[in-house]
Amino acid sequence: MKKYFSVALFLLAFFFCSEAQTKYSYGIYYSPALTSRITRTNVDLDWLKAESDRMEKADFGYTLGVYTEREINKSWSARGGIGYSVFSEKIDSLNYLGIDKYKNEYRFLEVPIVATRFFGKSASNRPYFSFGYSLNYFLNKQTTYSLVGSNREESTVIKGDENQVNHAFRISFGYDFVLDQKWNFRAELYSTQFITSLTRGDLKRYPNSLGLSIQVRRK
């Protein structure tokens, strides 16, 4: 599966370096989001899905990264980037095991490639819609927990049945604000949905996130 990650990085490098004479810009983004997962399984294991849905709850995560963008014309642009993302989930109903807090953080290196369609005749302060693909390379999972009656939290990094290379679809609606001749500010509502299962085995998980992405871009 590592070959897919290498191909994605190659395409991203090609995207960065090609057609240097065209208009391009660089930016950074920070995206807090409510992250959760969709669980699927076969009919024989419906009881396992029901138990998982009962115990595992959505939690807040985030993504932080950099990107470069090229203008194709006045209405379209394409961008590619690389970032660090965290998908979180809380586990409830573990008091019978002496645990009153249990949280998992799934950490990824993400490589998004996104197309953007701008609306309106103005070259500044305009709404847009974007869609694209994100390769999510699984780094590790950190589990944080505390025992009943204790204020001390323990954390550990564990290995599970996660696939190292994962694929996701991303869409967003946003607004682009021109601050001056060199800087733009963007705010967008976005959703990222895994289209391949994060986990192997009979219990499939397709994480999703819904949040607000804040971007600062330099022309």
Protein backbone atom coordinates (compact mmCIF):
# COMPACT_ATOMS: atom_id res chain seq x y z
CA MET A 1 0.00 0.00 0.00
CA LYS A 2 2.97 2.31 0.44
CA LYS A 3 3.22 2.63 -3.33
CA TYR A 4 -0.07 4.59 -3.35
CA PHE A 5 1.39 7.08 -0.90
CA SER A 6 4.53 7.43 -3.04
CA VAL A 7 2.43 8.01 -6.16
CA ALA A 8 0.37 10.67 -4.36
CA LEU A 9 3.52 12.49 -3.23
CA PHE A 10 4.92 12.33 -6.76
CA LEU A 11 1.73 13.82 -8.19
CA LEU A 12 1.77 16.51 -5.53
CA ALA A 13 5.41 17.38 -6.31
CA PHE A 14 4.56 17.51 -10.02
CA PHE A 15 1.61 19.78 -9.22
CA PHE A 16 3.90 22.12 -7.26
CA CYS A 17 6.62 22.33 -9.88
CA SER A 18 4.87 22.27 -13.23
CA GLU A 19 3.82 25.34 -15.20
CA ALA A 20 5.76 27.75 -13.03
CA GLN A 21 4.86 30.58 -15.36
CA THR A 22 1.17 30.42 -14.41
CA LYS A 23 -0.31 32.29 -11.47
CA TYR A 24 0.16 30.44 -8.22
CA SER A 25 0.00 31.08 -4.50
CA TYR A 26 0.84 29.45 -1.17
CA GLY A 27 -1.20 29.13 1.98
CA ILE A 28 -1.70 27.51 5.36
CA TYR A 29 -4.88 26.06 6.82
CA TYR A 30 -6.27 25.10 10.20
CA SER A 31 -9.48 23.10 10.32
CA PRO A 32 -11.18 22.17 13.61
CA ALA A 33 -13.91 19.60 13.04
CA LEU A 34 -16.31 17.21 14.69
CA THR A 35 -14.97 13.82 13.64
CA SER A 36 -16.76 10.50 13.83
CA ARG A 37 -17.05 7.24 11.93
CA ILE A 38 -19.64 5.21 10.07
CA THR A 39 -19.61 1.53 11.01
CA ARG A 40 -20.68 -1.18 8.59
CA THR A 41 -20.70 -4.94 8.80
CA ASN A 42 -22.54 -7.96 7.44
CA VAL A 43 -25.92 -9.11 8.73
CA ASP A 44 -24.45 -11.79 11.00
CA LEU A 45 -22.54 -9.13 12.95
CA ASP A 46 -25.31 -6.55 13.35
CA TRP A 47 -25.07 -7.01 17.12
CA LEU A 48 -21.40 -5.92 16.99
CA LYS A 49 -22.29 -2.82 14.98
CA ALA A 50 -25.08 -1.95 17.43
CA GLU A 51 -22.69 -2.31 20.38
CA SER A 52 -20.06 -0.18 18.65
CA ASP A 53 -22.57 2.55 17.81
CA ARG A 54 -23.81 2.59 21.39
CA MET A 55 -20.37 2.99 22.97
CA GLU A 56 -18.43 5.13 20.49
CA LYS A 57 -19.29 8.82 20.20
CA ALA A 58 -18.04 11.63 17.95
CA ASP A 59 -15.41 14.02 19.26
CA PHE A 60 -13.47 17.08 18.08
CA GLY A 61 -10.35 16.78 15.96
CA TYR A 62 -8.44 19.08 13.65
CA THR A 63 -6.22 19.37 10.59
CA LEU A 64 -3.20 21.65 10.13
CA GLY A 65 -1.29 21.97 6.87
CA VAL A 66 0.13 23.94 3.95
CA TYR A 67 -0.85 24.08 0.29
CA THR A 68 -0.08 25.65 -3.06
CA GLU A 69 -2.70 26.78 -5.56
CA ARG A 70 -2.73 27.56 -9.28
CA GLU A 71 -5.34 29.61 -11.10
CA ILE A 72 -6.66 27.87 -14.21
CA ASN A 73 -8.86 30.81 -15.21
CA LYS A 74 -11.03 33.43 -13.46
CA SER A 75 -13.54 30.80 -12.35
CA TRP A 76 -11.41 27.75 -11.56
CA SER A 77 -8.32 26.91 -9.55
CA ALA A 78 -6.61 23.73 -8.34
CA ARG A 79 -4.63 23.21 -5.17
CA GLY A 80 -2.62 20.51 -3.51
CA GLY A 81 -1.15 20.30 -0.04
CA ILE A 82 0.11 18.24 2.84
CA GLY A 83 -1.09 18.27 6.43
CA TYR A 84 -1.43 16.56 9.78
CA SER A 85 -4.92 15.51 10.84
CA VAL A 86 -6.50 13.99 13.94
CA PHE A 87 -9.79 12.08 14.04
CA SER A 88 -11.12 11.59 17.59
CA GLU A 89 -13.76 9.44 19.26
CA LYS A 90 -14.97 8.95 22.82
CA ILE A 91 -15.86 5.61 24.33
CA ASP A 92 -18.76 5.61 26.83
CA SER A 93 -20.18 3.00 29.22
CA LEU A 94 -16.90 1.63 30.57
CA ASN A 95 -17.60 2.28 34.24
CA TYR A 96 -18.05 -1.44 34.83
CA LEU A 97 -14.37 -1.80 33.94
CA GLY A 98 -13.35 0.97 36.33
CA ILE A 99 -12.80 3.51 33.52
CA ASP A 100 -14.68 6.82 33.44
CA LYS A 101 -12.91 8.41 30.45
CA TYR A 102 -11.65 6.75 27.28
CA LYS A 103 -10.67 8.53 24.09
CA ASN A 104 -9.01 7.48 20.83
CA GLU A 105 -7.14 9.82 18.50
CA TYR A 106 -6.38 8.52 15.00
CA ARG A 107 -3.50 10.49 13.46
CA PHE A 108 -2.86 10.85 9.75
CA LEU A 109 -0.63 12.54 7.24
CA GLU A 110 -3.02 13.85 4.60
CA VAL A 111 -2.36 14.77 0.97
CA PRO A 112 -5.38 16.64 -0.47
CA ILE A 113 -5.83 17.59 -4.13
CA VAL A 114 -8.81 19.93 -4.61
CA ALA A 115 -10.52 21.80 -7.45
CA THR A 116 -12.30 25.09 -6.69
CA ARG A 117 -15.10 26.79 -8.61
CA PHE A 118 -15.57 30.50 -7.88
CA PHE A 119 -18.85 32.35 -8.44
CA GLY A 120 -19.54 35.95 -9.31
CA LYS A 121 -17.87 38.40 -11.65
CA SER A 122 -15.78 40.08 -8.98
CA ALA A 123 -12.14 39.02 -8.64
CA SER A 124 -12.35 39.57 -4.89
CA ASN A 125 -14.66 38.70 -2.02
CA ARG A 126 -16.42 35.85 -3.80
CA PRO A 127 -18.08 32.58 -2.78
CA TYR A 128 -16.82 29.23 -4.02
CA PHE A 129 -17.44 25.50 -4.05
CA SER A 130 -14.60 22.97 -3.93
CA PHE A 131 -14.32 19.21 -4.24
CA GLY A 132 -11.48 16.73 -4.40
CA TYR A 133 -9.59 13.74 -3.10
CA SER A 134 -7.49 13.20 0.01
CA LEU A 135 -5.00 10.42 0.65
CA ASN A 136 -4.77 9.77 4.40
CA TYR A 137 -1.63 7.93 5.54
CA PHE A 138 -2.23 6.43 8.99
CA LEU A 139 0.50 7.29 11.52
CA ASN A 140 -0.72 5.95 14.87
CA LYS A 141 -3.58 5.82 17.34
CA GLN A 142 -3.25 7.34 20.80
CA THR A 143 -5.57 6.16 23.56
CA THR A 144 -6.13 8.38 26.61
CA TYR A 145 -8.03 7.13 29.65
CA SER A 146 -8.55 7.73 33.36
CA LEU A 147 -9.74 5.41 36.12
CA VAL A 148 -12.90 5.97 38.14
CA GLY A 149 -12.14 8.21 41.12
CA SER A 150 -8.82 9.36 39.68
CA ASN A 151 -7.99 12.73 38.12
CA ARG A 152 -4.89 11.34 36.45
CA GLU A 153 -4.96 10.61 32.73
CA GLU A 154 -2.85 7.91 31.10
CA SER A 155 -1.93 7.87 27.41
CA THR A 156 -0.52 5.16 25.23
CA VAL A 157 0.10 4.66 21.52
CA ILE A 158 -1.21 1.31 20.35
CA LYS A 159 -1.38 -0.69 17.13
CA GLY A 160 -4.70 -1.99 15.87
CA ASP A 161 -6.19 -3.27 12.65
CA GLU A 162 -5.96 0.05 10.78
CA ASN A 163 -5.02 0.21 7.12
CA GLN A 164 -1.99 2.41 6.57
CA VAL A 165 -3.23 3.98 3.32
CA ASN A 166 -6.79 5.37 3.21
CA HIS A 167 -8.75 7.35 0.64
CA ALA A 168 -11.34 10.08 1.21
CA PHE A 169 -13.61 12.49 -0.69
CA ARG A 170 -13.76 16.16 0.32
CA ILE A 171 -16.31 18.90 -0.45
CA SER A 172 -16.67 22.43 0.88
CA PHE A 173 -18.50 25.74 0.53
CA GLY A 174 -16.62 28.90 1.38
CA TYR A 175 -15.94 32.58 0.88
CA ASP A 176 -12.73 34.17 -0.32
CA PHE A 177 -11.82 37.59 1.13
CA VAL A 178 -9.11 39.72 -0.48
CA LEU A 179 -7.17 41.55 2.23
CA ASP A 180 -4.72 43.37 -0.05
CA GLN A 181 -2.70 42.78 -3.22
CA LYS A 182 -0.79 39.86 -1.70
CA TRP A 183 -2.99 38.25 0.94
CA ASN A 184 -6.33 36.44 0.94
CA PHE A 185 -8.37 35.04 3.80
CA ARG A 186 -10.79 32.13 3.38
CA ALA A 187 -13.39 30.54 5.60
CA GLU A 188 -15.20 27.41 4.47
CA LEU A 189 -17.52 24.73 5.80
CA TYR A 190 -16.22 21.35 4.72
CA SER A 191 -16.84 17.64 4.99
CA THR A 192 -14.39 14.78 4.50
CA GLN A 193 -15.66 11.23 4.09
CA PHE A 194 -13.49 8.10 3.91
CA ILE A 195 -14.38 5.98 0.88
CA THR A 196 -12.21 3.05 2.00
CA SER A 197 -12.40 1.37 5.39
CA LEU A 198 -9.92 2.53 8.02
CA THR A 199 -9.99 -0.93 9.57
CA ARG A 200 -9.55 -4.46 8.27
CA GLY A 201 -11.72 -7.40 9.23
CA ASP A 202 -15.49 -7.78 9.46
CA LEU A 203 -16.16 -4.47 11.22
CA LYS A 204 -15.58 -1.70 8.66
CA ARG A 205 -15.14 1.94 9.65
CA TYR A 206 -15.45 4.97 7.39
CA PRO A 207 -14.48 8.10 9.38
CA ASN A 208 -15.99 11.44 8.47
CA SER A 209 -15.45 14.99 9.64
CA LEU A 210 -17.53 18.15 9.47
CA GLY A 211 -15.93 21.43 10.35
CA LEU A 212 -14.69 24.92 9.56
CA SER A 213 -11.48 25.48 7.62
CA ILE A 214 -9.58 28.74 8.08
CA GLN A 215 -7.03 29.57 5.38
CA VAL A 216 -4.53 32.35 4.82
CA ARG A 217 -3.11 32.54 1.28
CA ARG A 218 -0.28 34.61 -0.20
CA LYS A 219 -0.34 35.37 -3.91
